Amino acid sequence: MVKSLSKGSRLSGTARDKLAADLKSKYESGSSIRALAESTGRSYGFVHRMLTEAGVQLRGRTGNGGAKSTSTERPKQDPPQRKRQDPIKVKPIPKIAAKPPRR
């Protein structure tokens, strides 16, 4: 289990490796980076960096509460079809009879 660490304390050597392995296993079992950051008392960026250094392939942003994604690509959707509009009907401008020039 990940113990809460004091914020900003340095980790190096075996302690860092152990934390990275623990974060990796929890992330791969479905925990979100935010949940891991909260449980360890570390920042999102710190946990993200530890996972990246541990060689974890990060999940995409799913938007469904951290559920594990089955695919890294979104299915392609056709653009919405627009209704075809009739061309604008323009009434012809009536010709105005020219007045004879003034003298």
Protein backbone atom coordinates (compact mmCIF):
# COMPACT_ATOMS: atom_id res chain seq x y z
CA MET A 1 0.00 0.00 0.00
CA VAL A 2 1.23 3.50 -0.80
CA LYS A 3 1.87 5.45 2.36
CA SER A 4 1.27 9.16 2.50
CA LEU A 5 4.48 11.12 2.00
CA SER A 6 5.25 14.58 3.22
CA LYS A 7 4.77 17.04 0.41
CA GLY A 8 8.01 18.03 -1.29
CA SER A 9 10.17 15.42 0.46
CA ARG A 10 12.81 13.99 -1.84
CA LEU A 11 12.71 10.39 -2.90
CA SER A 12 15.74 8.61 -4.25
CA GLY A 13 17.18 5.18 -4.65
CA THR A 14 15.22 2.17 -3.50
CA ALA A 15 12.42 4.23 -1.92
CA ARG A 16 11.76 5.92 -5.27
CA ASP A 17 11.90 2.60 -7.15
CA LYS A 18 9.53 0.98 -4.65
CA LEU A 19 7.04 3.87 -4.90
CA ALA A 20 7.22 3.80 -8.71
CA ALA A 21 6.52 0.05 -8.76
CA ASP A 22 3.62 0.46 -6.33
CA LEU A 23 2.11 3.35 -8.34
CA LYS A 24 2.55 1.35 -11.54
CA SER A 25 0.69 -1.68 -10.22
CA LYS A 26 -2.17 0.44 -8.84
CA TYR A 27 -2.46 2.45 -12.07
CA GLU A 28 -2.46 -0.67 -14.22
CA SER A 29 -5.19 -2.16 -12.03
CA GLY A 30 -7.43 0.83 -12.79
CA SER A 31 -6.65 3.66 -10.37
CA SER A 32 -6.50 7.15 -11.83
CA ILE A 33 -3.49 9.43 -11.59
CA ARG A 34 -5.57 11.86 -9.52
CA ALA A 35 -6.55 9.13 -7.06
CA LEU A 36 -2.93 8.03 -6.74
CA ALA A 37 -1.80 11.62 -6.19
CA GLU A 38 -4.39 12.08 -3.47
CA SER A 39 -3.52 8.82 -1.72
CA THR A 40 0.22 9.57 -1.69
CA GLY A 41 -0.07 13.27 -0.87
CA ARG A 42 1.86 14.13 -4.02
CA SER A 43 0.96 16.27 -7.01
CA TYR A 44 -0.62 14.99 -10.19
CA GLY A 45 2.58 15.97 -12.06
CA PHE A 46 4.79 13.99 -9.68
CA VAL A 47 2.69 10.83 -10.04
CA HIS A 48 2.52 11.30 -13.82
CA ARG A 49 6.31 11.61 -13.99
CA MET A 50 6.85 8.55 -11.77
CA LEU A 51 4.55 6.46 -13.97
CA THR A 52 6.27 7.67 -17.14
CA GLU A 53 9.70 6.89 -15.68
CA ALA A 54 8.41 3.41 -14.73
CA GLY A 55 7.53 2.77 -18.38
CA VAL A 56 3.76 2.76 -17.97
CA GLN A 57 1.66 3.36 -21.08
CA LEU A 58 -0.78 6.00 -19.87
CA ARG A 59 -4.48 5.72 -20.64
CA GLY A 60 -6.25 8.36 -22.65
CA ARG A 61 -8.77 10.73 -21.15
CA THR A 62 -11.93 8.65 -21.02
CA GLY A 63 -14.30 11.00 -19.24
CA ASN A 64 -16.11 8.11 -17.52
CA GLY A 65 -14.68 8.18 -14.03
CA GLY A 66 -11.36 6.48 -14.71
CA ALA A 67 -12.69 3.26 -16.15
CA LYS A 68 -10.10 1.33 -18.07
CA SER A 69 -10.17 2.10 -21.77
CA THR A 70 -10.37 -0.85 -24.13
CA SER A 71 -9.14 1.11 -27.12
CA THR A 72 -6.79 4.03 -27.48
CA GLU A 73 -8.54 5.31 -30.60
CA ARG A 74 -11.95 6.84 -30.87
CA PRO A 75 -14.26 5.33 -33.43
CA LYS A 76 -14.50 7.56 -36.45
CA GLN A 77 -17.88 9.12 -37.02
CA ASP A 78 -19.31 10.49 -40.20
CA PRO A 79 -19.95 14.22 -40.14
CA PRO A 80 -23.60 15.14 -39.61
CA GLN A 81 -25.60 15.36 -42.82
CA ARG A 82 -26.98 18.78 -43.64
CA LYS A 83 -30.34 19.25 -45.21
CA ARG A 84 -30.10 20.49 -48.72
CA GLN A 85 -31.66 23.90 -49.04
CA ASP A 86 -33.50 25.13 -52.08
CA PRO A 87 -31.68 27.89 -53.92
CA ILE A 88 -32.84 31.36 -53.01
CA LYS A 89 -35.50 32.57 -55.35
CA VAL A 90 -34.98 36.17 -56.33
CA LYS A 91 -37.72 38.21 -57.90
CA PRO A 92 -36.62 40.19 -60.92
CA ILE A 93 -36.37 43.93 -60.39
CA PRO A 94 -38.95 45.76 -62.50
CA LYS A 95 -37.51 48.19 -64.99
CA ILE A 96 -38.37 51.80 -64.41
CA ALA A 97 -39.17 53.83 -67.45
CA ALA A 98 -36.52 56.45 -68.03
CA LYS A 99 -37.71 60.02 -67.84
CA PRO A 100 -36.83 62.27 -70.71
CA PRO A 101 -33.93 64.62 -69.91
CA ARG A 102 -34.84 68.01 -68.53
CA ARG A 103 -34.26 71.09 -70.60
